[in-house]
PDB file of N, CA and C in Angstrom:
ATOM      1  N   MET A   1    -108.149 -81.576  -6.566  1.00  0.00           N
ATOM      2  CA  MET A   1    -108.847 -80.918  -7.952  1.00  0.00           C
ATOM      3  C   MET A   1    -108.655 -82.607  -8.758  1.00  0.00           C
ATOM      4  N   SER A   2    -109.675 -82.456  -9.745  1.00  0.00           N
ATOM      5  CA  SER A   2    -109.235 -82.746 -10.655  1.00  0.00           C
ATOM      6  C   SER A   2    -108.590 -82.469 -11.801  1.00  0.00           C
ATOM      7  N   GLU A   3    -107.469 -83.571 -13.103  1.00  0.00           N
ATOM      8  CA  GLU A   3    -106.729 -83.537 -13.285  1.00  0.00           C
ATOM      9  C   GLU A   3    -107.840 -82.478 -14.878  1.00  0.00           C
ATOM     10  N   VAL A   4    -108.813 -82.661 -14.880  1.00  0.00           N
ATOM     11  CA  VAL A   4    -109.665 -82.340 -15.554  1.00  0.00           C
ATOM     12  C   VAL A   4    -110.008 -80.649 -15.762  1.00  0.00           C
ATOM     13  N   LEU A   5    -109.976 -80.697 -14.237  1.00  0.00           N
ATOM     14  CA  LEU A   5    -109.844 -79.213 -14.230  1.00  0.00           C
ATOM     15  C   LEU A   5    -109.170 -77.955 -14.004  1.00  0.00           C
ATOM     16  N   HIS A   6    -108.174 -78.534 -13.250  1.00  0.00           N
ATOM     17  CA  HIS A   6    -106.689 -77.791 -14.429  1.00  0.00           C
ATOM     18  C   HIS A   6    -106.930 -77.817 -15.294  1.00  0.00           C
ATOM     19  N   ALA A   7    -106.744 -78.972 -16.255  1.00  0.00           N
ATOM     20  CA  ALA A   7    -106.535 -78.825 -17.293  1.00  0.00           C
ATOM     21  C   ALA A   7    -107.546 -77.630 -17.850  1.00  0.00           C
ATOM     22  N   ASN A   8    -108.666 -77.431 -17.714  1.00  0.00           N
ATOM     23  CA  ASN A   8    -109.396 -76.435 -17.728  1.00  0.00           C
ATOM     24  C   ASN A   8    -109.252 -75.121 -17.737  1.00  0.00           C
ATOM     25  N   ILE A   9    -108.602 -74.932 -16.070  1.00  0.00           N
ATOM     26  CA  ILE A   9    -108.470 -73.837 -15.837  1.00  0.00           C
ATOM     27  C   ILE A   9    -106.967 -73.498 -16.888  1.00  0.00           C
ATOM     28  N   PHE A  10    -106.097 -74.131 -17.122  1.00  0.00           N
ATOM     29  CA  PHE A  10    -104.829 -73.951 -17.695  1.00  0.00           C
ATOM     30  C   PHE A  10    -105.325 -73.490 -19.098  1.00  0.00           C
ATOM     31  N   PHE A  11    -106.011 -73.957 -19.876  1.00  0.00           N
ATOM     32  CA  PHE A  11    -106.923 -74.034 -21.279  1.00  0.00           C
ATOM     33  C   PHE A  11    -107.809 -72.757 -21.639  1.00  0.00           C
ATOM     34  N   PHE A  12    -108.479 -72.217 -19.721  1.00  0.00           N
ATOM     35  CA  PHE A  12    -109.379 -70.851 -20.195  1.00  0.00           C
ATOM     36  C   PHE A  12    -108.082 -70.189 -19.930  1.00  0.00           C
ATOM     37  N   ILE A  13    -107.383 -69.486 -19.089  1.00  0.00           N
ATOM     38  CA  ILE A  13    -106.051 -68.642 -19.150  1.00  0.00           C
ATOM     39  C   ILE A  13    -105.193 -68.275 -20.159  1.00  0.00           C
ATOM     40  N   ALA A  14    -105.020 -69.520 -21.263  1.00  0.00           N
ATOM     41  CA  ALA A  14    -104.319 -69.433 -22.337  1.00  0.00           C
ATOM     42  C   ALA A  14    -105.437 -68.803 -23.355  1.00  0.00           C
ATOM     43  N   SER A  15    -106.264 -68.983 -23.090  1.00  0.00           N
ATOM     44  CA  SER A  15    -107.304 -68.519 -24.321  1.00  0.00           C
ATOM     45  C   SER A  15    -107.384 -66.762 -24.532  1.00  0.00           C
ATOM     46  N   VAL A  16    -107.235 -66.702 -22.787  1.00  0.00           N
ATOM     47  CA  VAL A  16    -107.546 -65.116 -22.079  1.00  0.00           C
ATOM     48  C   VAL A  16    -106.264 -64.730 -22.796  1.00  0.00           C
ATOM     49  N   ALA A  17    -104.990 -65.398 -22.305  1.00  0.00           N
ATOM     50  CA  ALA A  17    -104.228 -64.824 -22.852  1.00  0.00           C
ATOM     51  C   ALA A  17    -103.914 -64.745 -24.020  1.00  0.00           C
ATOM     52  N   THR A  18    -104.260 -65.393 -25.557  1.00  0.00           N
ATOM     53  CA  THR A  18    -104.349 -65.765 -26.713  1.00  0.00           C
ATOM     54  C   THR A  18    -104.952 -64.290 -26.922  1.00  0.00           C
ATOM     55  N   VAL A  19    -106.129 -64.254 -26.858  1.00  0.00           N
ATOM     56  CA  VAL A  19    -106.945 -63.074 -27.477  1.00  0.00           C
ATOM     57  C   VAL A  19    -106.670 -61.673 -26.706  1.00  0.00           C
ATOM     58  N   ILE A  20    -105.710 -61.518 -25.253  1.00  0.00           N
ATOM     59  CA  ILE A  20    -105.353 -60.504 -25.483  1.00  0.00           C
ATOM     60  C   ILE A  20    -104.410 -60.107 -25.750  1.00  0.00           C
ATOM     61  N   PHE A  21    -103.053 -60.909 -26.107  1.00  0.00           N
ATOM     62  CA  PHE A  21    -102.079 -61.255 -26.980  1.00  0.00           C
ATOM     63  C   PHE A  21    -102.593 -61.016 -28.744  1.00  0.00           C
ATOM     64  N   CYS A  22    -103.232 -61.013 -29.690  1.00  0.00           N
ATOM     65  CA  CYS A  22    -104.259 -61.026 -30.183  1.00  0.00           C
ATOM     66  C   CYS A  22    -104.518 -59.194 -30.672  1.00  0.00           C
ATOM     67  N   LEU A  23    -104.880 -58.884 -29.735  1.00  0.00           N
ATOM     68  CA  LEU A  23    -105.363 -57.491 -29.622  1.00  0.00           C
ATOM     69  C   LEU A  23    -104.270 -56.526 -29.563  1.00  0.00           C
ATOM     70  N   PHE A  24    -103.299 -57.061 -28.599  1.00  0.00           N
ATOM     71  CA  PHE A  24    -102.316 -55.987 -28.521  1.00  0.00           C
ATOM     72  C   PHE A  24    -101.057 -56.009 -30.087  1.00  0.00           C
ATOM     73  N   VAL A  25    -101.304 -57.054 -30.701  1.00  0.00           N
ATOM     74  CA  VAL A  25    -100.782 -57.070 -31.720  1.00  0.00           C
ATOM     75  C   VAL A  25    -101.774 -56.741 -32.955  1.00  0.00           C
ATOM     76  N   CYS A  26    -102.562 -56.589 -32.874  1.00  0.00           N
ATOM     77  CA  CYS A  26    -103.708 -55.737 -33.768  1.00  0.00           C
ATOM     78  C   CYS A  26    -103.780 -53.760 -33.429  1.00  0.00           C
ATOM     79  N   LEU A  27    -103.807 -53.745 -32.735  1.00  0.00           N
ATOM     80  CA  LEU A  27    -103.198 -52.422 -31.733  1.00  0.00           C
ATOM     81  C   LEU A  27    -102.348 -51.722 -32.135  1.00  0.00           C
ATOM     82  N   ILE A  28    -101.145 -52.594 -32.283  1.00  0.00           N
ATOM     83  CA  ILE A  28     -99.604 -52.942 -33.026  1.00  0.00           C
ATOM     84  C   ILE A  28     -99.805 -52.282 -34.213  1.00  0.00           C
ATOM     85  N   LEU A  29    -100.411 -53.229 -35.079  1.00  0.00           N
ATOM     86  CA  LEU A  29    -100.629 -53.195 -36.194  1.00  0.00           C
ATOM     87  C   LEU A  29    -101.448 -51.597 -36.823  1.00  0.00           C
ATOM     88  N   TYR A  30    -102.198 -51.626 -36.155  1.00  0.00           N
ATOM     89  CA  TYR A  30    -102.873 -50.912 -36.883  1.00  0.00           C
ATOM     90  C   TYR A  30    -101.951 -49.228 -36.689  1.00  0.00           C
ATOM     91  N   HIS A  31    -101.192 -49.268 -35.570  1.00  0.00           N
ATOM     92  CA  HIS A  31    -100.210 -47.797 -35.612  1.00  0.00           C
ATOM     93  C   HIS A  31     -98.977 -48.023 -36.645  1.00  0.00           C
ATOM     94  N   VAL A  32     -98.572 -48.991 -36.590  1.00  0.00           N
ATOM     95  CA  VAL A  32     -97.200 -49.480 -37.670  1.00  0.00           C
ATOM     96  C   VAL A  32     -98.568 -48.679 -39.388  1.00  0.00           C
ATOM     97  N   TYR A  33     -99.267 -49.624 -39.850  1.00  0.00           N
ATOM     98  CA  TYR A  33    -100.474 -48.847 -40.759  1.00  0.00           C
ATOM     99  C   TYR A  33    -100.656 -47.202 -40.587  1.00  0.00           C
ATOM    100  N   LYS A  34    -100.946 -46.792 -39.788  1.00  0.00           N
ATOM    101  CA  LYS A  34    -100.819 -45.468 -39.345  1.00  0.00           C
ATOM    102  C   LYS A  34     -99.636 -45.001 -40.094  1.00  0.00           C
ATOM    103  N   ILE A  35     -98.839 -45.092 -39.393  1.00  0.00           N
ATOM    104  CA  ILE A  35     -97.416 -44.475 -39.442  1.00  0.00           C
ATOM    105  C   ILE A  35     -97.072 -45.264 -40.826  1.00  0.00           C
ATOM    106  N   ALA A  36     -97.228 -45.802 -41.405  1.00  0.00           N
ATOM    107  CA  ALA A  36     -96.722 -46.004 -42.936  1.00  0.00           C
ATOM    108  C   ALA A  36     -97.365 -45.012 -44.337  1.00  0.00           C
ATOM    109  N   GLN A  37     -98.650 -45.093 -43.497  1.00  0.00           N
ATOM    110  CA  GLN A  37     -99.276 -43.337 -44.530  1.00  0.00           C
ATOM    111  C   GLN A  37     -98.704 -42.584 -44.383  1.00  0.00           C
ATOM    112  N   SER A  38     -98.391 -42.030 -43.106  1.00  0.00           N
ATOM    113  CA  SER A  38     -97.842 -40.771 -42.992  1.00  0.00           C
ATOM    114  C   SER A  38     -96.250 -40.599 -43.556  1.00  0.00           C
ATOM    115  N   VAL A  39     -95.966 -42.083 -43.439  1.00  0.00           N
ATOM    116  CA  VAL A  39     -94.194 -42.121 -44.220  1.00  0.00           C
ATOM    117  C   VAL A  39     -95.040 -41.810 -46.120  1.00  0.00           C
ATOM    118  N   ARG A  40     -95.444 -42.190 -46.509  1.00  0.00           N
ATOM    119  CA  ARG A  40     -95.412 -42.001 -47.651  1.00  0.00           C
ATOM    120  C   ARG A  40     -96.607 -40.652 -48.126  1.00  0.00           C
ATOM    121  N   ARG A  41     -97.120 -40.191 -47.326  1.00  0.00           N
ATOM    122  CA  ARG A  41     -97.851 -38.925 -47.607  1.00  0.00           C
ATOM    123  C   ARG A  41     -95.824 -37.849 -47.574  1.00  0.00           C
ATOM    124  N   ILE A  42     -95.453 -38.044 -46.530  1.00  0.00           N
ATOM    125  CA  ILE A  42     -93.981 -37.072 -46.539  1.00  0.00           C
ATOM    126  C   ILE A  42     -93.111 -37.867 -48.177  1.00  0.00           C
ATOM    127  N   MET A  43     -92.872 -38.688 -48.173  1.00  0.00           N
ATOM    128  CA  MET A  43     -92.086 -39.081 -49.867  1.00  0.00           C
ATOM    129  C   MET A  43     -93.217 -38.608 -50.317  1.00  0.00           C
ATOM    130  N   GLU A  44     -93.819 -38.293 -50.818  1.00  0.00           N
ATOM    131  CA  GLU A  44     -94.803 -38.063 -51.834  1.00  0.00           C
ATOM    132  C   GLU A  44     -94.295 -37.178 -52.013  1.00  0.00           C
ATOM    133  N   ARG A  45     -94.148 -36.012 -50.736  1.00  0.00           N
ATOM    134  CA  ARG A  45     -93.806 -34.742 -51.040  1.00  0.00           C
ATOM    135  C   ARG A  45     -92.833 -33.988 -51.582  1.00  0.00           C
ATOM    136  N   ILE A  46     -92.142 -34.863 -50.885  1.00  0.00           N
ATOM    137  CA  ILE A  46     -89.936 -35.061 -51.169  1.00  0.00           C
ATOM    138  C   ILE A  46     -89.891 -35.435 -52.351  1.00  0.00           C
ATOM    139  N   GLU A  47     -90.269 -36.472 -53.008  1.00  0.00           N
ATOM    140  CA  GLU A  47     -90.773 -36.446 -54.085  1.00  0.00           C
ATOM    141  C   GLU A  47     -90.592 -34.844 -55.219  1.00  0.00           C
ATOM    142  N   ALA A  48     -91.637 -34.988 -54.988  1.00  0.00           N
ATOM    143  CA  ALA A  48     -92.408 -33.323 -55.686  1.00  0.00           C
ATOM    144  C   ALA A  48     -91.494 -32.884 -55.648  1.00  0.00           C
ATOM    145  N   GLY A  49     -91.060 -31.938 -54.201  1.00  0.00           N
ATOM    146  CA  GLY A  49     -89.971 -31.112 -53.884  1.00  0.00           C
ATOM    147  C   GLY A  49     -89.074 -31.144 -54.914  1.00  0.00           C
ATOM    148  N   SER A  50     -88.191 -32.669 -55.080  1.00  0.00           N
ATOM    149  CA  SER A  50     -87.347 -32.651 -55.319  1.00  0.00           C
ATOM    150  C   SER A  50     -87.565 -32.341 -56.924  1.00  0.00           C
ATOM    151  N   GLU A  51     -87.972 -32.392 -57.728  1.00  0.00           N
ATOM    152  CA  GLU A  51     -88.809 -33.074 -58.698  1.00  0.00           C
ATOM    153  C   GLU A  51     -88.600 -31.005 -59.528  1.00  0.00           C
ATOM    154  N   LEU A  52     -89.213 -30.598 -58.642  1.00  0.00           N
ATOM    155  CA  LEU A  52     -89.040 -28.654 -58.483  1.00  0.00           C
ATOM    156  C   LEU A  52     -87.014 -28.189 -58.321  1.00  0.00           C
ATOM    157  N   ILE A  53     -86.835 -28.364 -57.599  1.00  0.00           N
ATOM    158  CA  ILE A  53     -85.656 -28.212 -56.816  1.00  0.00           C
ATOM    159  C   ILE A  53     -84.419 -28.612 -58.021  1.00  0.00           C
ATOM    160  N   ALA A  54     -85.256 -30.114 -59.042  1.00  0.00           N
ATOM    161  CA  ALA A  54     -83.868 -30.711 -60.252  1.00  0.00           C
ATOM    162  C   ALA A  54     -84.733 -29.314 -61.254  1.00  0.00           C
ATOM    163  N   ASP A  55     -85.370 -28.972 -61.572  1.00  0.00           N
ATOM    164  CA  ASP A  55     -86.301 -28.533 -61.681  1.00  0.00           C
ATOM    165  C   ASP A  55     -85.746 -26.600 -62.069  1.00  0.00           C
ATOM    166  N   ASP A  56     -85.029 -25.937 -60.933  1.00  0.00           N
ATOM    167  CA  ASP A  56     -84.521 -25.031 -60.211  1.00  0.00           C
ATOM    168  C   ASP A  56     -82.845 -25.290 -60.690  1.00  0.00           C
ATOM    169  N   VAL A  57     -82.912 -26.345 -60.241  1.00  0.00           N
ATOM    170  CA  VAL A  57     -81.166 -26.298 -60.967  1.00  0.00           C
ATOM    171  C   VAL A  57     -80.519 -25.949 -62.153  1.00  0.00           C
ATOM    172  N   ALA A  58     -81.583 -27.006 -62.968  1.00  0.00           N
ATOM    173  CA  ALA A  58     -81.261 -27.075 -64.629  1.00  0.00           C
ATOM    174  C   ALA A  58     -81.535 -25.380 -64.869  1.00  0.00           C
ATOM    175  N   PHE A  59     -82.286 -24.999 -64.555  1.00  0.00           N
ATOM    176  CA  PHE A  59     -82.326 -23.585 -65.027  1.00  0.00           C
ATOM    177  C   PHE A  59     -81.282 -22.443 -64.840  1.00  0.00           C
ATOM    178  N   VAL A  60     -80.812 -22.820 -63.213  1.00  0.00           N
ATOM    179  CA  VAL A  60     -79.748 -22.248 -63.316  1.00  0.00           C
ATOM    180  C   VAL A  60     -78.607 -22.851 -64.115  1.00  0.00           C
ATOM    181  N   ARG A  61     -78.431 -23.995 -64.021  1.00  0.00           N
ATOM    182  CA  ARG A  61     -76.947 -24.311 -64.803  1.00  0.00           C
ATOM    183  C   ARG A  61     -77.432 -23.529 -66.430  1.00  0.00           C
ATOM    184  N   ASN A  62     -78.235 -23.616 -66.862  1.00  0.00           N
ATOM    185  CA  ASN A  62     -78.507 -22.791 -67.606  1.00  0.00           C
ATOM    186  C   ASN A  62     -78.278 -21.552 -68.210  1.00  0.00           C
ATOM    187  N   SER A  63     -78.452 -21.175 -67.126  1.00  0.00           N
ATOM    188  CA  SER A  63     -78.365 -19.117 -67.282  1.00  0.00           C
ATOM    189  C   SER A  63     -76.792 -18.928 -66.938  1.00  0.00           C
ATOM    190  N   MET A  64     -76.001 -19.613 -66.016  1.00  0.00           N
ATOM    191  CA  MET A  64     -74.559 -19.495 -65.697  1.00  0.00           C
ATOM    192  C   MET A  64     -74.058 -19.776 -66.765  1.00  0.00           C
ATOM    193  N   LYS A  65     -74.423 -21.092 -67.690  1.00  0.00           N
ATOM    194  CA  LYS A  65     -73.752 -21.591 -69.180  1.00  0.00           C
ATOM    195  C   LYS A  65     -73.838 -20.313 -69.765  1.00  0.00           C
ATOM    196  N   GLY A  66     -74.589 -19.246 -70.191  1.00  0.00           N
ATOM    197  CA  GLY A  66     -74.925 -17.796 -70.670  1.00  0.00           C
ATOM    198  C   GLY A  66     -73.908 -17.376 -70.408  1.00  0.00           C
ATOM    199  N   GLY A  67     -74.673 -17.344 -69.052  1.00  0.00           N
ATOM    200  CA  GLY A  67     -73.439 -15.959 -67.847  1.00  0.00           C
ATOM    201  C   GLY A  67     -71.818 -16.231 -68.549  1.00  0.00           C
ATOM    202  N   PHE A  68     -71.527 -17.623 -67.746  1.00  0.00           N
ATOM    203  CA  PHE A  68     -70.241 -18.070 -68.392  1.00  0.00           C
ATOM    204  C   PHE A  68     -69.551 -17.661 -69.380  1.00  0.00           C
ATOM    205  N   MET A  69     -69.813 -17.327 -70.580  1.00  0.00           N
ATOM    206  CA  MET A  69     -69.958 -17.445 -72.092  1.00  0.00           C
ATOM    207  C   MET A  69     -69.734 -15.949 -72.450  1.00  0.00           C
ATOM    208  N   ARG A  70     -70.101 -14.712 -71.858  1.00  0.00           N
ATOM    209  CA  ARG A  70     -70.448 -13.868 -71.694  1.00  0.00           C
ATOM    210  C   ARG A  70     -69.239 -13.729 -71.471  1.00  0.00           C
ATOM    211  N   ILE A  71     -69.109 -13.798 -69.761  1.00  0.00           N
ATOM    212  CA  ILE A  71     -67.333 -13.985 -69.000  1.00  0.00           C
ATOM    213  C   ILE A  71     -66.541 -13.911 -69.639  1.00  0.00           C
ATOM    214  N   VAL A  72     -66.118 -14.504 -69.876  1.00  0.00           N
ATOM    215  CA  VAL A  72     -65.305 -15.261 -70.599  1.00  0.00           C
ATOM    216  C   VAL A  72     -65.100 -14.643 -71.780  1.00  0.00           C
ATOM    217  N   GLY A  73     -66.131 -14.770 -72.904  1.00  0.00           N
ATOM    218  CA  GLY A  73     -65.944 -13.607 -73.700  1.00  0.00           C
ATOM    219  C   GLY A  73     -64.895 -12.065 -73.447  1.00  0.00           C
ATOM    220  N   MET A  74     -65.809 -11.776 -72.355  1.00  0.00           N
ATOM    221  CA  MET A  74     -65.212 -10.710 -72.003  1.00  0.00           C
ATOM    222  C   MET A  74     -63.677 -10.842 -71.303  1.00  0.00           C
ATOM    223  N   LEU A  75     -63.440 -11.705 -70.671  1.00  0.00           N
ATOM    224  CA  LEU A  75     -62.157 -11.701 -70.048  1.00  0.00           C
ATOM    225  C   LEU A  75     -61.029 -11.675 -71.724  1.00  0.00           C
ATOM    226  N   ALA A  76     -61.362 -13.040 -72.454  1.00  0.00           N
ATOM    227  CA  ALA A  76     -60.666 -12.824 -73.449  1.00  0.00           C
ATOM    228  C   ALA A  76     -60.400 -11.673 -74.173  1.00  0.00           C
ATOM    229  N   SER A  77     -61.563 -10.862 -74.570  1.00  0.00           N
ATOM    230  CA  SER A  77     -60.833  -9.271 -74.796  1.00  0.00           C
ATOM    231  C   SER A  77     -60.197  -9.028 -74.419  1.00  0.00           C
ATOM    232  N   VAL A  78     -60.162  -8.515 -73.118  1.00  0.00           N
ATOM    233  CA  VAL A  78     -59.718  -8.217 -72.004  1.00  0.00           C
ATOM    234  C   VAL A  78     -57.945  -8.783 -71.727  1.00  0.00           C
ATOM    235  N   PRO A  79     -57.287  -9.250 -71.600  1.00  0.00           N
ATOM    236  CA  PRO A  79     -56.212  -9.715 -71.515  1.00  0.00           C
ATOM    237  C   PRO A  79     -54.857  -9.364 -72.551  1.00  0.00           C
ATOM    238  N   LYS A  80     -55.371  -9.557 -73.977  1.00  0.00           N
ATOM    239  CA  LYS A  80     -55.036  -9.040 -75.481  1.00  0.00           C
ATOM    240  C   LYS A  80     -54.875  -7.178 -75.434  1.00  0.00           C
ATOM    241  N   SER A  81     -55.930  -6.784 -74.860  1.00  0.00           N
ATOM    242  CA  SER A  81     -55.655  -5.249 -75.082  1.00  0.00           C
ATOM    243  C   SER A  81     -54.696  -4.844 -74.052  1.00  0.00           C
ATOM    244  N   ARG A  82     -54.462  -5.490 -72.845  1.00  0.00           N
ATOM    245  CA  ARG A  82     -53.714  -5.113 -71.786  1.00  0.00           C
ATOM    246  C   ARG A  82     -52.132  -5.860 -72.584  1.00  0.00           C
ATOM    247  N   SER A  83     -51.887  -7.231 -72.517  1.00  0.00           N
ATOM    248  CA  SER A  83     -50.957  -7.256 -73.492  1.00  0.00           C
ATOM    249  C   SER A  83     -50.020  -6.535 -74.496  1.00  0.00           C
ATOM    250  N   ARG A  84     -51.271  -5.953 -75.192  1.00  0.00           N
ATOM    251  CA  ARG A  84     -50.425  -5.018 -75.909  1.00  0.00           C
ATOM    252  C   ARG A  84     -49.566  -3.127 -75.488  1.00  0.00           C
ATOM    253  N   ARG A  85     -50.484  -3.219 -74.415  1.00  0.00           N
ATOM    254  CA  ARG A  85     -50.574  -1.845 -73.669  1.00  0.00           C
ATOM    255  C   ARG A  85     -48.958  -2.299 -72.910  1.00  0.00           C
ATOM    256  N   SER A  86     -48.795  -3.616 -72.084  1.00  0.00           N
ATOM    257  CA  SER A  86     -47.672  -3.748 -71.949  1.00  0.00           C
ATOM    258  C   SER A  86     -46.514  -3.876 -72.652  1.00  0.00           C
ATOM    259  N   ARG A  87     -46.267  -4.310 -73.747  1.00  0.00           N
ATOM    260  CA  ARG A  87     -45.493  -4.054 -74.825  1.00  0.00           C
ATOM    261  C   ARG A  87     -44.686  -2.898 -75.144  1.00  0.00           C
ATOM    262  N   LYS A  88     -46.190  -1.822 -75.240  1.00  0.00           N
ATOM    263  CA  LYS A  88     -46.101  -0.857 -75.641  1.00  0.00           C
ATOM    264  C   LYS A  88     -45.247  -0.183 -74.233  1.00  0.00           C
ATOM    265  N   THR A  89     -45.087  -0.401 -73.272  1.00  0.00           N
ATOM    266  CA  THR A  89     -44.459   0.457 -72.301  1.00  0.00           C
ATOM    267  C   THR A  89     -43.027  -0.373 -72.315  1.00  0.00           C
ATOM    268  N   SER A  90     -43.082  -1.654 -72.951  1.00  0.00           N
ATOM    269  CA  SER A  90     -41.555  -2.091 -72.292  1.00  0.00           C
ATOM    270  C   SER A  90     -40.793  -1.847 -73.939  1.00  0.00           C
ATOM    271  N   ASP A  91     -41.162  -1.991 -74.958  1.00  0.00           N
ATOM    272  CA  ASP A  91     -40.826  -1.282 -76.229  1.00  0.00           C
ATOM    273  C   ASP A  91     -39.892   0.391 -75.492  1.00  0.00           C
ATOM    274  N   GLU A  92     -41.464   1.203 -74.842  1.00  0.00           N
ATOM    275  CA  GLU A  92     -40.826   2.928 -74.495  1.00  0.00           C
ATOM    276  C   GLU A  92     -39.836   2.442 -73.704  1.00  0.00           C
ATOM    277  N   ALA A  93     -39.899   1.417 -72.719  1.00  0.00           N
ATOM    278  CA  ALA A  93     -38.760   1.392 -72.166  1.00  0.00           C
ATOM    279  C   ALA A  93     -37.482   1.017 -72.559  1.00  0.00           C
ATOM    280  N   GLU A  94     -37.248   0.348 -73.399  1.00  0.00           N
ATOM    281  CA  GLU A  94     -36.374  -0.096 -74.561  1.00  0.00           C
ATOM    282  C   GLU A  94     -35.666   1.041 -74.572  1.00  0.00           C
ATOM    283  N   THR A  95     -36.481   2.099 -75.683  1.00  0.00           N
ATOM    284  CA  THR A  95     -36.034   2.870 -76.205  1.00  0.00           C
ATOM    285  C   THR A  95     -35.213   4.069 -74.947  1.00  0.00           C
ATOM    286  N   ASP A  96     -36.711   4.195 -74.363  1.00  0.00           N
ATOM    287  CA  ASP A  96     -35.825   5.439 -73.182  1.00  0.00           C
ATOM    288  C   ASP A  96     -34.024   4.600 -72.420  1.00  0.00           C
ATOM    289  N   GLU A  97     -33.837   3.808 -71.887  1.00  0.00           N
ATOM    290  CA  GLU A  97     -32.718   3.392 -71.689  1.00  0.00           C
ATOM    291  C   GLU A  97     -32.168   3.246 -72.892  1.00  0.00           C
ATOM    292  N   ASP A  98     -31.950   3.187 -74.134  1.00  0.00           N
ATOM    293  CA  ASP A  98     -31.022   3.436 -75.081  1.00  0.00           C
ATOM    294  C   ASP A  98     -30.589   4.653 -75.086  1.00  0.00           C
ATOM    295  N   ASP A  99     -31.325   5.900 -74.766  1.00  0.00           N
ATOM    296  CA  ASP A  99     -31.264   6.836 -75.000  1.00  0.00           C
ATOM    297  C   ASP A  99     -30.375   7.063 -73.950  1.00  0.00           C
TER     298      ASP A  99
END
């Protein structure tokens, strides 16, 4: 076989391999593109959900602040009445001991 024939066979095989390689790369890139679209849709849903969660957390926080202040107000009034009773009982105990 002549050298020209060997070169032609080599270039034919290299050309076929290059075309097949390009087709595989195009196929892979197509799948990567589809995956990227899916990820983008998922991210948009997550962002929308996180905005809703942030709104809900802000609502609960504001509700808890109002409720917390009411609870603090009730607790602040309760120890005062208990401390007066304990003083009276301790004063009564001292008068009983003196008798």
